[in-house]
């Protein structure tokens, strides 16, 4: 059956009008959505982290006028500014652990900036790296022995915050004496004095900023600098923490022993605490007992009375 021409024309006009109405409605809807978005108060903004005009590490000037230095620092600042969970935890932990670290560094003549090296190494946590570096200062087993850190069956003093900070101070003093430069001493903490000296001799330069290094060490000092900038002024980098948000220092008491401990669980109970708290304050006690046949003196740290309940 042949459809009359006027019907075909009518249907076509109807489709055109319908489509125009649909397109017009979609356009109006998009405009409304766009207007709604423009009227929203955006609660989160991404911004360029602040880089100061001048910067130093341990009193040594960082040559920010060099594009490669500037961009390497910018890279680490962006990563650590926007790696929120990790950096937030660094700031919380620093309130608890920095006072002791600062005091030990000062006593040993090490610049205060090296506390940020500790953060770069472990985030102020007793970690074990895939290579076996352990503790706050990430000592390898062989290096630990060179700096009077005891590692035996049941004891690993790399987990002892105090002893490992003292050991790190000794390393850094030795490295500074070797290189006569704190920035190079910091870089050597990552790759070793011997390896760094070989690169210096081969490349015929005398400073970190001009050295072509392996990727990890090439980033290492810049990460320390980024952490220094962020942790020295966290609000400037978007970390709006109040005093109550930070982890407090915990009051403790010390017990000096020169005998073996056959059962650390019972020892903890006898001294008014439990095994969990004993291990928290003495992670260097890696076994269930302490073998001390040589009558060596050990300092065991325990929470002061009611310290566990009084953190707020």
C-alpha atoms as a PDB file:
ATOM      1  CA  UNK A   1       0.000   0.000   0.000  1.00  0.00           C
ATOM      2  CA  UNK A   2       1.366   3.392  -0.985  1.00  0.00           C
ATOM      3  CA  UNK A   3       1.543   5.884   1.934  1.00  0.00           C
ATOM      4  CA  UNK A   4       0.230   9.328   0.984  1.00  0.00           C
ATOM      5  CA  UNK A   5       2.858  12.034   0.698  1.00  0.00           C
ATOM      6  CA  UNK A   6       1.215  14.353   3.266  1.00  0.00           C
ATOM      7  CA  UNK A   7       1.428  11.582   5.900  1.00  0.00           C
ATOM      8  CA  UNK A   8       5.156  11.083   5.263  1.00  0.00           C
ATOM      9  CA  UNK A   9       5.721  14.840   5.540  1.00  0.00           C
ATOM     10  CA  UNK A  10       3.728  14.982   8.751  1.00  0.00           C
ATOM     11  CA  UNK A  11       5.667  12.150  10.332  1.00  0.00           C
ATOM     12  CA  UNK A  12       8.989  13.727   9.378  1.00  0.00           C
ATOM     13  CA  UNK A  13       7.989  17.072  10.845  1.00  0.00           C
ATOM     14  CA  UNK A  14       6.851  15.315  13.993  1.00  0.00           C
ATOM     15  CA  UNK A  15      10.215  13.583  14.401  1.00  0.00           C
ATOM     16  CA  UNK A  16      12.085  16.839  13.813  1.00  0.00           C
ATOM     17  CA  UNK A  17       9.986  18.653  16.424  1.00  0.00           C
ATOM     18  CA  UNK A  18      10.398  15.774  18.901  1.00  0.00           C
ATOM     19  CA  UNK A  19      14.173  15.655  18.410  1.00  0.00           C
ATOM     20  CA  UNK A  20      14.428  19.431  18.759  1.00  0.00           C
ATOM     21  CA  UNK A  21      12.504  19.219  22.010  1.00  0.00           C
ATOM     22  CA  UNK A  22      14.767  16.421  23.318  1.00  0.00           C
ATOM     23  CA  UNK A  23      17.973  18.230  22.354  1.00  0.00           C
ATOM     24  CA  UNK A  24      16.686  21.457  23.827  1.00  0.00           C
ATOM     25  CA  UNK A  25      15.826  19.677  27.098  1.00  0.00           C
ATOM     26  CA  UNK A  26      19.273  18.010  27.246  1.00  0.00           C
ATOM     27  CA  UNK A  27      20.986  21.349  26.627  1.00  0.00           C
ATOM     28  CA  UNK A  28      18.995  22.997  29.398  1.00  0.00           C
ATOM     29  CA  UNK A  29      19.759  20.082  31.733  1.00  0.00           C
ATOM     30  CA  UNK A  30      23.511  20.340  31.004  1.00  0.00           C
ATOM     31  CA  UNK A  31      23.416  24.083  31.644  1.00  0.00           C
ATOM     32  CA  UNK A  32      21.629  23.492  34.959  1.00  0.00           C
ATOM     33  CA  UNK A  33      24.231  20.874  36.000  1.00  0.00           C
ATOM     34  CA  UNK A  34      27.074  23.209  35.011  1.00  0.00           C
ATOM     35  CA  UNK A  35      25.512  26.054  36.968  1.00  0.00           C
ATOM     36  CA  UNK A  36      25.037  23.769  39.973  1.00  0.00           C
ATOM     37  CA  UNK A  37      28.724  22.726  39.839  1.00  0.00           C
ATOM     38  CA  UNK A  38      29.825  26.375  39.586  1.00  0.00           C
ATOM     39  CA  UNK A  39      27.778  27.202  42.663  1.00  0.00           C
ATOM     40  CA  UNK A  40      29.338  24.393  44.730  1.00  0.00           C
ATOM     41  CA  UNK A  41      31.947  25.108  47.414  1.00  0.00           C
ATOM     42  CA  UNK A  42      34.712  22.634  46.551  1.00  0.00           C
ATOM     43  CA  UNK A  43      35.968  21.199  49.884  1.00  0.00           C
ATOM     44  CA  UNK A  44      39.318  19.935  48.534  1.00  0.00           C
ATOM     45  CA  UNK A  45      41.884  21.725  46.403  1.00  0.00           C
ATOM     46  CA  UNK A  46      45.159  20.601  44.880  1.00  0.00           C
ATOM     47  CA  UNK A  47      47.872  23.231  44.993  1.00  0.00           C
ATOM     48  CA  UNK A  48      51.539  23.614  44.161  1.00  0.00           C
ATOM     49  CA  UNK A  49      53.636  22.958  47.297  1.00  0.00           C
ATOM     50  CA  UNK A  50      55.556  25.997  48.467  1.00  0.00           C
ATOM     51  CA  UNK A  51      59.263  26.124  47.621  1.00  0.00           C
ATOM     52  CA  UNK A  52      61.206  28.868  49.436  1.00  0.00           C
ATOM     53  CA  UNK A  53      63.640  31.158  47.634  1.00  0.00           C
ATOM     54  CA  UNK A  54      66.518  29.866  49.751  1.00  0.00           C
ATOM     55  CA  UNK A  55      67.059  26.571  51.527  1.00  0.00           C
ATOM     56  CA  UNK A  56      69.852  24.922  53.468  1.00  0.00           C
ATOM     57  CA  UNK A  57      70.708  21.481  54.813  1.00  0.00           C
ATOM     58  CA  UNK A  58      72.789  21.463  57.999  1.00  0.00           C
ATOM     59  CA  UNK A  59      73.856  25.025  57.194  1.00  0.00           C
ATOM     60  CA  UNK A  60      74.950  24.104  53.646  1.00  0.00           C
ATOM     61  CA  UNK A  61      73.198  26.020  50.862  1.00  0.00           C
ATOM     62  CA  UNK A  62      70.966  24.109  48.453  1.00  0.00           C
ATOM     63  CA  UNK A  63      71.501  25.538  44.910  1.00  0.00           C
ATOM     64  CA  UNK A  64      67.840  26.025  44.027  1.00  0.00           C
ATOM     65  CA  UNK A  65      68.854  28.298  41.143  1.00  0.00           C
ATOM     66  CA  UNK A  66      69.784  25.141  39.210  1.00  0.00           C
ATOM     67  CA  UNK A  67      66.731  23.821  37.350  1.00  0.00           C
ATOM     68  CA  UNK A  68      67.575  20.160  38.061  1.00  0.00           C
ATOM     69  CA  UNK A  69      67.901  20.814  41.815  1.00  0.00           C
ATOM     70  CA  UNK A  70      64.692  22.845  41.903  1.00  0.00           C
ATOM     71  CA  UNK A  71      62.696  20.218  39.996  1.00  0.00           C
ATOM     72  CA  UNK A  72      64.081  17.308  42.033  1.00  0.00           C
ATOM     73  CA  UNK A  73      62.967  19.047  45.233  1.00  0.00           C
ATOM     74  CA  UNK A  74      59.616  19.909  43.655  1.00  0.00           C
ATOM     75  CA  UNK A  75      59.119  16.220  42.811  1.00  0.00           C
ATOM     76  CA  UNK A  76      59.703  15.075  46.393  1.00  0.00           C
ATOM     77  CA  UNK A  77      57.548  17.866  47.815  1.00  0.00           C
ATOM     78  CA  UNK A  78      54.624  16.901  45.589  1.00  0.00           C
ATOM     79  CA  UNK A  79      54.950  13.224  46.524  1.00  0.00           C
ATOM     80  CA  UNK A  80      55.211  13.814  50.277  1.00  0.00           C
ATOM     81  CA  UNK A  81      52.588  16.574  50.366  1.00  0.00           C
ATOM     82  CA  UNK A  82      50.008  14.422  48.645  1.00  0.00           C
ATOM     83  CA  UNK A  83      50.909  11.093  50.190  1.00  0.00           C
ATOM     84  CA  UNK A  84      48.585  12.119  52.994  1.00  0.00           C
ATOM     85  CA  UNK A  85      48.367   9.031  55.178  1.00  0.00           C
ATOM     86  CA  UNK A  86      52.124   8.470  55.449  1.00  0.00           C
ATOM     87  CA  UNK A  87      53.063  12.112  56.021  1.00  0.00           C
ATOM     88  CA  UNK A  88      50.238  12.523  58.529  1.00  0.00           C
ATOM     89  CA  UNK A  89      51.631   9.611  60.544  1.00  0.00           C
ATOM     90  CA  UNK A  90      55.164  11.068  60.368  1.00  0.00           C
ATOM     91  CA  UNK A  91      53.878  14.282  61.943  1.00  0.00           C
ATOM     92  CA  UNK A  92      52.014  12.422  64.684  1.00  0.00           C
ATOM     93  CA  UNK A  93      54.972  10.179  65.552  1.00  0.00           C
ATOM     94  CA  UNK A  94      57.500  13.007  65.456  1.00  0.00           C
ATOM     95  CA  UNK A  95      55.893  14.629  68.472  1.00  0.00           C
ATOM     96  CA  UNK A  96      56.697  11.483  70.476  1.00  0.00           C
ATOM     97  CA  UNK A  97      60.126  10.544  69.136  1.00  0.00           C
ATOM     98  CA  UNK A  98      61.815  13.754  67.974  1.00  0.00           C
ATOM     99  CA  UNK A  99      62.684  15.071  71.468  1.00  0.00           C
ATOM    100  CA  UNK A 100      64.926  12.076  72.230  1.00  0.00           C
ATOM    101  CA  UNK A 101      66.425  12.019  68.718  1.00  0.00           C
ATOM    102  CA  UNK A 102      67.130  15.757  68.832  1.00  0.00           C
ATOM    103  CA  UNK A 103      68.858  15.465  72.207  1.00  0.00           C
ATOM    104  CA  UNK A 104      71.090  12.578  71.094  1.00  0.00           C
ATOM    105  CA  UNK A 105      72.040  14.325  67.847  1.00  0.00           C
ATOM    106  CA  UNK A 106      72.875  17.516  69.736  1.00  0.00           C
ATOM    107  CA  UNK A 107      74.931  15.666  72.342  1.00  0.00           C
ATOM    108  CA  UNK A 108      76.951  14.017  69.582  1.00  0.00           C
ATOM    109  CA  UNK A 109      77.507  17.183  67.557  1.00  0.00           C
ATOM    110  CA  UNK A 110      75.223  16.181  64.685  1.00  0.00           C
ATOM    111  CA  UNK A 111      73.072  18.894  63.025  1.00  0.00           C
ATOM    112  CA  UNK A 112      69.380  18.808  63.897  1.00  0.00           C
ATOM    113  CA  UNK A 113      68.376  18.364  60.224  1.00  0.00           C
ATOM    114  CA  UNK A 114      69.422  14.713  60.426  1.00  0.00           C
ATOM    115  CA  UNK A 115      66.277  13.871  62.354  1.00  0.00           C
ATOM    116  CA  UNK A 116      64.520  14.121  58.989  1.00  0.00           C
ATOM    117  CA  UNK A 117      66.916  11.496  57.611  1.00  0.00           C
ATOM    118  CA  UNK A 118      65.474   9.149  60.222  1.00  0.00           C
ATOM    119  CA  UNK A 119      61.980   9.926  58.917  1.00  0.00           C
ATOM    120  CA  UNK A 120      63.111   9.298  55.336  1.00  0.00           C
ATOM    121  CA  UNK A 121      64.599   5.965  56.382  1.00  0.00           C
ATOM    122  CA  UNK A 122      61.720   4.487  58.362  1.00  0.00           C
ATOM    123  CA  UNK A 123      58.896   6.963  58.926  1.00  0.00           C
ATOM    124  CA  UNK A 124      59.779   6.685  62.656  1.00  0.00           C
ATOM    125  CA  UNK A 125      58.691   3.054  62.766  1.00  0.00           C
ATOM    126  CA  UNK A 126      60.613  -0.147  63.443  1.00  0.00           C
ATOM    127  CA  UNK A 127      60.598  -1.454  59.899  1.00  0.00           C
ATOM    128  CA  UNK A 128      62.509  -4.206  58.137  1.00  0.00           C
ATOM    129  CA  UNK A 129      63.413  -3.435  54.520  1.00  0.00           C
ATOM    130  CA  UNK A 130      63.434  -6.108  51.783  1.00  0.00           C
ATOM    131  CA  UNK A 131      67.258  -6.012  52.030  1.00  0.00           C
ATOM    132  CA  UNK A 132      67.140  -6.620  55.793  1.00  0.00           C
ATOM    133  CA  UNK A 133      67.822  -3.074  57.035  1.00  0.00           C
ATOM    134  CA  UNK A 134      66.105  -2.789  60.407  1.00  0.00           C
ATOM    135  CA  UNK A 135      64.795  -0.247  62.905  1.00  0.00           C
ATOM    136  CA  UNK A 136      64.315   3.523  62.944  1.00  0.00           C
ATOM    137  CA  UNK A 137      67.735   4.100  61.352  1.00  0.00           C
ATOM    138  CA  UNK A 138      67.616   1.047  59.067  1.00  0.00           C
ATOM    139  CA  UNK A 139      70.938  -0.551  59.959  1.00  0.00           C
ATOM    140  CA  UNK A 140      72.105  -3.599  58.060  1.00  0.00           C
ATOM    141  CA  UNK A 141      73.369  -6.417  60.262  1.00  0.00           C
ATOM    142  CA  UNK A 142      77.013  -6.026  59.177  1.00  0.00           C
ATOM    143  CA  UNK A 143      77.038  -2.246  59.673  1.00  0.00           C
ATOM    144  CA  UNK A 144      75.326  -2.539  63.058  1.00  0.00           C
ATOM    145  CA  UNK A 145      78.231  -4.542  64.425  1.00  0.00           C
ATOM    146  CA  UNK A 146      80.650  -1.773  63.481  1.00  0.00           C
ATOM    147  CA  UNK A 147      78.752   0.711  65.665  1.00  0.00           C
ATOM    148  CA  UNK A 148      78.309  -1.292  68.866  1.00  0.00           C
ATOM    149  CA  UNK A 149      74.784  -2.502  68.150  1.00  0.00           C
ATOM    150  CA  UNK A 150      74.341  -5.962  69.626  1.00  0.00           C
ATOM    151  CA  UNK A 151      72.554  -8.641  67.604  1.00  0.00           C
ATOM    152  CA  UNK A 152      72.312 -12.111  69.167  1.00  0.00           C
ATOM    153  CA  UNK A 153      69.737 -14.833  69.616  1.00  0.00           C
ATOM    154  CA  UNK A 154      66.962 -13.003  71.485  1.00  0.00           C
ATOM    155  CA  UNK A 155      68.423  -9.470  71.149  1.00  0.00           C
ATOM    156  CA  UNK A 156      68.486  -7.010  68.246  1.00  0.00           C
ATOM    157  CA  UNK A 157      69.472  -3.524  69.369  1.00  0.00           C
ATOM    158  CA  UNK A 158      68.694  -2.069  65.950  1.00  0.00           C
ATOM    159  CA  UNK A 159      65.164  -1.891  67.401  1.00  0.00           C
ATOM    160  CA  UNK A 160      66.423   0.150  70.363  1.00  0.00           C
ATOM    161  CA  UNK A 161      65.619   3.782  69.538  1.00  0.00           C
ATOM    162  CA  UNK A 162      68.272   5.200  71.832  1.00  0.00           C
ATOM    163  CA  UNK A 163      71.159   2.911  70.868  1.00  0.00           C
ATOM    164  CA  UNK A 164      70.425   3.075  67.141  1.00  0.00           C
ATOM    165  CA  UNK A 165      70.302   6.893  67.226  1.00  0.00           C
ATOM    166  CA  UNK A 166      73.663   6.952  68.985  1.00  0.00           C
ATOM    167  CA  UNK A 167      75.033   4.534  66.383  1.00  0.00           C
ATOM    168  CA  UNK A 168      73.676   6.661  63.523  1.00  0.00           C
ATOM    169  CA  UNK A 169      75.345   9.704  65.103  1.00  0.00           C
ATOM    170  CA  UNK A 170      78.661   7.848  65.162  1.00  0.00           C
ATOM    171  CA  UNK A 171      78.309   6.931  61.496  1.00  0.00           C
ATOM    172  CA  UNK A 172      77.461  10.500  60.505  1.00  0.00           C
ATOM    173  CA  UNK A 173      80.434  11.915  62.443  1.00  0.00           C
ATOM    174  CA  UNK A 174      82.708   9.480  60.637  1.00  0.00           C
ATOM    175  CA  UNK A 175      81.160  10.318  57.259  1.00  0.00           C
ATOM    176  CA  UNK A 176      81.496  14.059  57.855  1.00  0.00           C
ATOM    177  CA  UNK A 177      85.149  13.638  58.795  1.00  0.00           C
ATOM    178  CA  UNK A 178      85.637  11.671  55.558  1.00  0.00           C
ATOM    179  CA  UNK A 179      83.795  14.059  53.184  1.00  0.00           C
ATOM    180  CA  UNK A 180      83.958  17.338  55.163  1.00  0.00           C
ATOM    181  CA  UNK A 181      80.383  17.935  53.991  1.00  0.00           C
ATOM    182  CA  UNK A 182      77.090  17.115  55.717  1.00  0.00           C
ATOM    183  CA  UNK A 183      75.124  16.698  52.493  1.00  0.00           C
ATOM    184  CA  UNK A 184      77.563  14.075  51.236  1.00  0.00           C
ATOM    185  CA  UNK A 185      77.491  12.434  54.677  1.00  0.00           C
ATOM    186  CA  UNK A 186      73.707  12.156  54.311  1.00  0.00           C
ATOM    187  CA  UNK A 187      73.987  10.678  50.810  1.00  0.00           C
ATOM    188  CA  UNK A 188      76.561   8.173  52.046  1.00  0.00           C
ATOM    189  CA  UNK A 189      74.081   6.960  54.671  1.00  0.00           C
ATOM    190  CA  UNK A 190      72.052   5.624  51.756  1.00  0.00           C
ATOM    191  CA  UNK A 191      74.781   4.150  49.548  1.00  0.00           C
ATOM    192  CA  UNK A 192      77.844   3.858  51.766  1.00  0.00           C
ATOM    193  CA  UNK A 193      80.980   5.959  51.976  1.00  0.00           C
ATOM    194  CA  UNK A 194      82.994   3.766  49.634  1.00  0.00           C
ATOM    195  CA  UNK A 195      80.409   3.731  46.861  1.00  0.00           C
ATOM    196  CA  UNK A 196      79.878   7.483  47.051  1.00  0.00           C
ATOM    197  CA  UNK A 197      83.640   8.159  47.000  1.00  0.00           C
ATOM    198  CA  UNK A 198      83.994   6.093  43.823  1.00  0.00           C
ATOM    199  CA  UNK A 199      81.321   8.190  42.091  1.00  0.00           C
ATOM    200  CA  UNK A 200      82.959  11.415  43.263  1.00  0.00           C
ATOM    201  CA  UNK A 201      86.372  10.340  41.991  1.00  0.00           C
ATOM    202  CA  UNK A 202      85.023   9.095  38.653  1.00  0.00           C
ATOM    203  CA  UNK A 203      82.875  12.155  37.941  1.00  0.00           C
ATOM    204  CA  UNK A 204      85.456  14.644  39.257  1.00  0.00           C
ATOM    205  CA  UNK A 205      82.956  16.710  41.253  1.00  0.00           C
ATOM    206  CA  UNK A 206      82.938  17.433  44.974  1.00  0.00           C
ATOM    207  CA  UNK A 207      79.270  17.943  45.894  1.00  0.00           C
ATOM    208  CA  UNK A 208      76.002  16.040  45.938  1.00  0.00           C
ATOM    209  CA  UNK A 209      74.182  18.454  43.625  1.00  0.00           C
ATOM    210  CA  UNK A 210      76.520  17.789  40.674  1.00  0.00           C
ATOM    211  CA  UNK A 211      76.722  14.002  41.058  1.00  0.00           C
ATOM    212  CA  UNK A 212      74.946  11.532  38.788  1.00  0.00           C
ATOM    213  CA  UNK A 213      73.912   8.789  41.217  1.00  0.00           C
ATOM    214  CA  UNK A 214      71.710   5.710  41.338  1.00  0.00           C
ATOM    215  CA  UNK A 215      68.024   6.602  41.438  1.00  0.00           C
ATOM    216  CA  UNK A 216      67.539   5.961  45.137  1.00  0.00           C
ATOM    217  CA  UNK A 217      70.489   8.045  46.301  1.00  0.00           C
ATOM    218  CA  UNK A 218      69.774  10.734  43.690  1.00  0.00           C
ATOM    219  CA  UNK A 219      66.382  11.251  45.343  1.00  0.00           C
ATOM    220  CA  UNK A 220      67.523  10.681  48.914  1.00  0.00           C
ATOM    221  CA  UNK A 221      68.655  14.137  50.083  1.00  0.00           C
ATOM    222  CA  UNK A 222      65.778  15.816  48.247  1.00  0.00           C
ATOM    223  CA  UNK A 223      63.325  13.642  50.136  1.00  0.00           C
ATOM    224  CA  UNK A 224      64.976  14.630  53.415  1.00  0.00           C
ATOM    225  CA  UNK A 225      64.672  18.298  52.407  1.00  0.00           C
ATOM    226  CA  UNK A 226      61.016  17.866  51.446  1.00  0.00           C
ATOM    227  CA  UNK A 227      60.274  16.270  54.823  1.00  0.00           C
ATOM    228  CA  UNK A 228      62.118  19.093  56.565  1.00  0.00           C
ATOM    229  CA  UNK A 229      60.003  21.718  54.797  1.00  0.00           C
ATOM    230  CA  UNK A 230      56.691  19.927  55.409  1.00  0.00           C
ATOM    231  CA  UNK A 231      57.328  18.886  59.003  1.00  0.00           C
ATOM    232  CA  UNK A 232      58.744  22.297  59.974  1.00  0.00           C
ATOM    233  CA  UNK A 233      55.584  24.041  58.768  1.00  0.00           C
ATOM    234  CA  UNK A 234      52.836  21.433  58.217  1.00  0.00           C
ATOM    235  CA  UNK A 235      49.942  23.896  57.915  1.00  0.00           C
ATOM    236  CA  UNK A 236      51.653  25.548  54.940  1.00  0.00           C
ATOM    237  CA  UNK A 237      51.455  22.194  53.163  1.00  0.00           C
ATOM    238  CA  UNK A 238      47.864  21.420  54.093  1.00  0.00           C
ATOM    239  CA  UNK A 239      48.356  19.327  57.252  1.00  0.00           C
ATOM    240  CA  UNK A 240      46.072  21.063  59.735  1.00  0.00           C
ATOM    241  CA  UNK A 241      46.819  19.157  62.943  1.00  0.00           C
ATOM    242  CA  UNK A 242      46.049  20.323  66.450  1.00  0.00           C
ATOM    243  CA  UNK A 243      48.136  19.524  69.518  1.00  0.00           C
ATOM    244  CA  UNK A 244      45.581  16.947  70.661  1.00  0.00           C
ATOM    245  CA  UNK A 245      46.030  15.025  67.395  1.00  0.00           C
ATOM    246  CA  UNK A 246      49.722  14.341  67.969  1.00  0.00           C
ATOM    247  CA  UNK A 247      51.089  11.268  69.727  1.00  0.00           C
ATOM    248  CA  UNK A 248      52.266  12.245  73.172  1.00  0.00           C
ATOM    249  CA  UNK A 249      55.484  11.245  74.853  1.00  0.00           C
ATOM    250  CA  UNK A 250      54.853   8.422  77.315  1.00  0.00           C
ATOM    251  CA  UNK A 251      56.145   8.542  80.857  1.00  0.00           C
ATOM    252  CA  UNK A 252      58.365   5.564  81.548  1.00  0.00           C
ATOM    253  CA  UNK A 253      60.517   3.980  84.207  1.00  0.00           C
ATOM    254  CA  UNK A 254      63.776   2.092  83.758  1.00  0.00           C
ATOM    255  CA  UNK A 255      64.984  -1.142  85.305  1.00  0.00           C
ATOM    256  CA  UNK A 256      68.668  -2.101  85.137  1.00  0.00           C
ATOM    257  CA  UNK A 257      69.277  -5.848  85.100  1.00  0.00           C
ATOM    258  CA  UNK A 258      72.488  -7.895  84.916  1.00  0.00           C
ATOM    259  CA  UNK A 259      70.996 -11.380  85.078  1.00  0.00           C
ATOM    260  CA  UNK A 260      69.156 -13.680  82.699  1.00  0.00           C
ATOM    261  CA  UNK A 261      65.352 -13.561  82.438  1.00  0.00           C
ATOM    262  CA  UNK A 262      63.898 -17.009  81.889  1.00  0.00           C
ATOM    263  CA  UNK A 263      60.366 -15.843  81.109  1.00  0.00           C
ATOM    264  CA  UNK A 264      59.644 -12.330  79.857  1.00  0.00           C
ATOM    265  CA  UNK A 265      55.908 -12.753  80.406  1.00  0.00           C
ATOM    266  CA  UNK A 266      56.399 -13.421  84.108  1.00  0.00           C
ATOM    267  CA  UNK A 267      59.008 -10.655  84.311  1.00  0.00           C
ATOM    268  CA  UNK A 268      56.466  -8.186  82.922  1.00  0.00           C
ATOM    269  CA  UNK A 269      53.808  -9.240  85.445  1.00  0.00           C
ATOM    270  CA  UNK A 270      56.290  -8.993  88.312  1.00  0.00           C
ATOM    271  CA  UNK A 271      56.998  -5.400  87.302  1.00  0.00           C
ATOM    272  CA  UNK A 272      53.405  -4.236  87.084  1.00  0.00           C
ATOM    273  CA  UNK A 273      52.803  -4.531  83.332  1.00  0.00           C
ATOM    274  CA  UNK A 274      52.222  -7.180  80.650  1.00  0.00           C
ATOM    275  CA  UNK A 275      54.122  -8.798  77.801  1.00  0.00           C
ATOM    276  CA  UNK A 276      52.564  -6.507  75.177  1.00  0.00           C
ATOM    277  CA  UNK A 277      53.783  -3.365  76.948  1.00  0.00           C
ATOM    278  CA  UNK A 278      57.191  -4.921  77.641  1.00  0.00           C
ATOM    279  CA  UNK A 279      57.629  -5.604  73.913  1.00  0.00           C
ATOM    280  CA  UNK A 280      56.285  -2.171  72.939  1.00  0.00           C
ATOM    281  CA  UNK A 281      58.922  -0.340  74.958  1.00  0.00           C
ATOM    282  CA  UNK A 282      61.674  -2.904  74.374  1.00  0.00           C
ATOM    283  CA  UNK A 283      61.281  -4.221  70.820  1.00  0.00           C
ATOM    284  CA  UNK A 284      64.987  -5.107  70.910  1.00  0.00           C
ATOM    285  CA  UNK A 285      64.025  -8.096  73.107  1.00  0.00           C
ATOM    286  CA  UNK A 286      63.201 -10.373  70.197  1.00  0.00           C
ATOM    287  CA  UNK A 287      62.874 -13.658  72.098  1.00  0.00           C
ATOM    288  CA  UNK A 288      60.722 -14.965  74.949  1.00  0.00           C
ATOM    289  CA  UNK A 289      63.612 -14.888  77.391  1.00  0.00           C
ATOM    290  CA  UNK A 290      66.895 -13.042  77.904  1.00  0.00           C
ATOM    291  CA  UNK A 291      70.082 -15.063  78.090  1.00  0.00           C
ATOM    292  CA  UNK A 292      72.653 -13.023  80.019  1.00  0.00           C
ATOM    293  CA  UNK A 293      75.380 -15.392  81.135  1.00  0.00           C
ATOM    294  CA  UNK A 294      78.027 -12.642  80.872  1.00  0.00           C
ATOM    295  CA  UNK A 295      76.216 -10.489  83.471  1.00  0.00           C
ATOM    296  CA  UNK A 296      75.957  -7.556  81.061  1.00  0.00           C
ATOM    297  CA  UNK A 297      73.855  -4.602  82.191  1.00  0.00           C
ATOM    298  CA  UNK A 298      70.685  -3.982  80.192  1.00  0.00           C
ATOM    299  CA  UNK A 299      68.271  -1.100  80.553  1.00  0.00           C
ATOM    300  CA  UNK A 300      64.653  -2.244  80.303  1.00  0.00           C
ATOM    301  CA  UNK A 301      62.037   0.463  79.805  1.00  0.00           C
ATOM    302  CA  UNK A 302      58.520   0.055  81.184  1.00  0.00           C
ATOM    303  CA  UNK A 303      55.536   2.409  81.279  1.00  0.00           C
ATOM    304  CA  UNK A 304      55.241   4.486  84.423  1.00  0.00           C
ATOM    305  CA  UNK A 305      52.261   3.780  86.648  1.00  0.00           C
ATOM    306  CA  UNK A 306      48.993   4.619  84.848  1.00  0.00           C
ATOM    307  CA  UNK A 307      50.901   5.941  81.794  1.00  0.00           C
ATOM    308  CA  UNK A 308      48.951   3.695  79.465  1.00  0.00           C
ATOM    309  CA  UNK A 309      45.610   5.147  80.560  1.00  0.00           C
ATOM    310  CA  UNK A 310      46.592   8.825  80.533  1.00  0.00           C
ATOM    311  CA  UNK A 311      47.214   9.625  76.864  1.00  0.00           C
ATOM    312  CA  UNK A 312      44.387  12.126  76.198  1.00  0.00           C
END
